[in-house]
C-alpha atoms as a PDB file:
ATOM      1  CA  MET A   1       0.384   0.017  -0.304  1.00  0.00           C
ATOM      2  CA  LYS A   2       2.860   1.824   0.711  1.00  0.00           C
ATOM      3  CA  LYS A   3       4.368   1.737  -2.824  1.00  0.00           C
ATOM      4  CA  ILE A   4       1.195   2.617  -4.870  1.00  0.00           C
ATOM      5  CA  VAL A   5       1.100   6.226  -2.463  1.00  0.00           C
ATOM      6  CA  LEU A   6       4.435   6.750  -2.925  1.00  0.00           C
ATOM      7  CA  ALA A   7       3.941   6.170  -7.382  1.00  0.00           C
ATOM      8  CA  ILE A   8       0.574   7.933  -7.016  1.00  0.00           C
ATOM      9  CA  THR A   9       2.541  11.430  -4.702  1.00  0.00           C
ATOM     10  CA  ILE A  10       5.056  10.991  -6.961  1.00  0.00           C
ATOM     11  CA  SER A  11       3.825  10.866 -10.324  1.00  0.00           C
ATOM     12  CA  ILE A  12       1.338  14.195  -9.540  1.00  0.00           C
ATOM     13  CA  SER A  13       4.391  16.033  -8.257  1.00  0.00           C
ATOM     14  CA  MET A  14       6.155  14.922 -11.832  1.00  0.00           C
ATOM     15  CA  LEU A  15       3.130  16.520 -13.750  1.00  0.00           C
ATOM     16  CA  VAL A  16       2.035  19.547 -11.653  1.00  0.00           C
ATOM     17  CA  SER A  17       5.833  20.499 -11.670  1.00  0.00           C
ATOM     18  CA  VAL A  18       5.500  19.341 -15.843  1.00  0.00           C
ATOM     19  CA  GLN A  19       3.035  21.800 -15.496  1.00  0.00           C
ATOM     20  CA  ILE A  20       4.719  24.688 -13.588  1.00  0.00           C
ATOM     21  CA  PHE A  21       7.773  25.155 -15.529  1.00  0.00           C
ATOM     22  CA  ALA A  22       6.024  24.642 -18.314  1.00  0.00           C
ATOM     23  CA  GLN A  23       7.007  27.112 -21.582  1.00  0.00           C
ATOM     24  CA  GLY A  24       4.477  28.872 -23.135  1.00  0.00           C
ATOM     25  CA  GLY A  25       3.570  28.849 -27.342  1.00  0.00           C
ATOM     26  CA  PRO A  26       6.139  31.322 -29.580  1.00  0.00           C
ATOM     27  CA  PRO A  27       4.985  35.070 -29.905  1.00  0.00           C
ATOM     28  CA  PRO A  28       2.442  35.553 -33.142  1.00  0.00           C
ATOM     29  CA  PRO A  29       4.342  36.817 -36.514  1.00  0.00           C
ATOM     30  CA  PRO A  30       3.899  39.980 -37.495  1.00  0.00           C
ATOM     31  CA  ASP A  31       1.282  40.892 -39.819  1.00  0.00           C
ATOM     32  CA  ASN A  32       1.589  40.806 -44.007  1.00  0.00           C
ATOM     33  CA  HIS A  33       5.276  39.015 -42.879  1.00  0.00           C
ATOM     34  CA  GLY A  34       6.824  39.162 -45.988  1.00  0.00           C
ATOM     35  CA  THR A  35       4.179  38.004 -48.275  1.00  0.00           C
ATOM     36  CA  ASP A  36       0.684  38.981 -48.730  1.00  0.00           C
ATOM     37  CA  GLU A  37      -1.342  36.577 -46.550  1.00  0.00           C
ATOM     38  CA  ASN A  38      -0.315  35.484 -43.176  1.00  0.00           C
ATOM     39  CA  GLN A  39       1.640  32.372 -43.464  1.00  0.00           C
ATOM     40  CA  ASP A  40       1.659  29.468 -41.087  1.00  0.00           C
ATOM     41  CA  ALA A  41       5.002  29.652 -39.017  1.00  0.00           C
ATOM     42  CA  GLY A  42       7.360  26.928 -40.305  1.00  0.00           C
ATOM     43  CA  GLY A  43       7.043  27.635 -43.682  1.00  0.00           C
ATOM     44  CA  GLY A  44       6.253  25.056 -46.122  1.00  0.00           C
ATOM     45  CA  ALA A  45       8.721  22.547 -45.736  1.00  0.00           C
ATOM     46  CA  PRO A  46       8.403  19.431 -46.253  1.00  0.00           C
ATOM     47  CA  ILE A  47       9.517  16.293 -44.726  1.00  0.00           C
ATOM     48  CA  GLY A  48       7.991  13.868 -46.857  1.00  0.00           C
ATOM     49  CA  GLY A  49      11.146  12.412 -48.547  1.00  0.00           C
ATOM     50  CA  GLY A  50      12.614  12.411 -45.392  1.00  0.00           C
ATOM     51  CA  THR A  51       9.994  10.203 -43.243  1.00  0.00           C
ATOM     52  CA  PHE A  52      10.315   7.924 -45.996  1.00  0.00           C
ATOM     53  CA  ILE A  53      13.945   7.391 -45.949  1.00  0.00           C
ATOM     54  CA  LEU A  54      13.487   7.298 -42.236  1.00  0.00           C
ATOM     55  CA  MET A  55      10.529   3.677 -43.019  1.00  0.00           C
ATOM     56  CA  GLY A  56      12.600   2.897 -45.755  1.00  0.00           C
ATOM     57  CA  LEU A  57      15.626   2.375 -43.289  1.00  0.00           C
ATOM     58  CA  ALA A  58      13.810   1.162 -39.961  1.00  0.00           C
ATOM     59  CA  ALA A  59      12.395  -1.240 -42.556  1.00  0.00           C
ATOM     60  CA  ALA A  60      16.324  -3.062 -43.616  1.00  0.00           C
ATOM     61  CA  TYR A  61      17.390  -2.712 -39.951  1.00  0.00           C
ATOM     62  CA  GLY A  62      13.624  -5.260 -39.028  1.00  0.00           C
ATOM     63  CA  VAL A  63      14.679  -7.621 -42.387  1.00  0.00           C
ATOM     64  CA  LYS A  64      18.480  -7.669 -40.476  1.00  0.00           C
ATOM     65  CA  LYS A  65      17.443  -8.524 -37.089  1.00  0.00           C
ATOM     66  CA  PHE A  66      14.312 -10.851 -38.225  1.00  0.00           C
ATOM     67  CA  TYR A  67      16.729 -12.627 -41.225  1.00  0.00           C
ATOM     68  CA  ASN A  68      19.858 -12.794 -37.963  1.00  0.00           C
ATOM     69  CA  SER A  69      17.046 -14.456 -35.741  1.00  0.00           C
ATOM     70  CA  LYS A  70      16.593 -16.926 -37.968  1.00  0.00           C
ATOM     71  CA  LYS A  71      19.352 -17.890 -38.908  1.00  0.00           C
ATOM     72  CA  GLU A  72      20.688 -18.068 -35.341  1.00  0.00           C
ATOM     73  CA  SER A  73      17.706 -20.618 -34.874  1.00  0.00           C
ATOM     74  CA  ILE A  74      19.064 -22.641 -37.207  1.00  0.00           C
ATOM     75  CA  GLU A  75      22.715 -23.275 -35.925  1.00  0.00           C
ATOM     76  CA  GLU A  76      21.275 -23.993 -32.844  1.00  0.00           C
END
């Protein structure tokens, strides 16, 4: 029972400390900042190419791990 109370107390204190030290969002950009209309923060940076590269590398790593595990089970 003491362990549960201690775990709950620590969890609540961590959540409160995160809320206390949390930083607010960035200020809004000024009107007409470089274009005829306001843009979202970060511009229009594409992230699709990097995502596909990371997914491909993760798939290759998974295939390698699967192949190695099958190879080890055959040797035993």
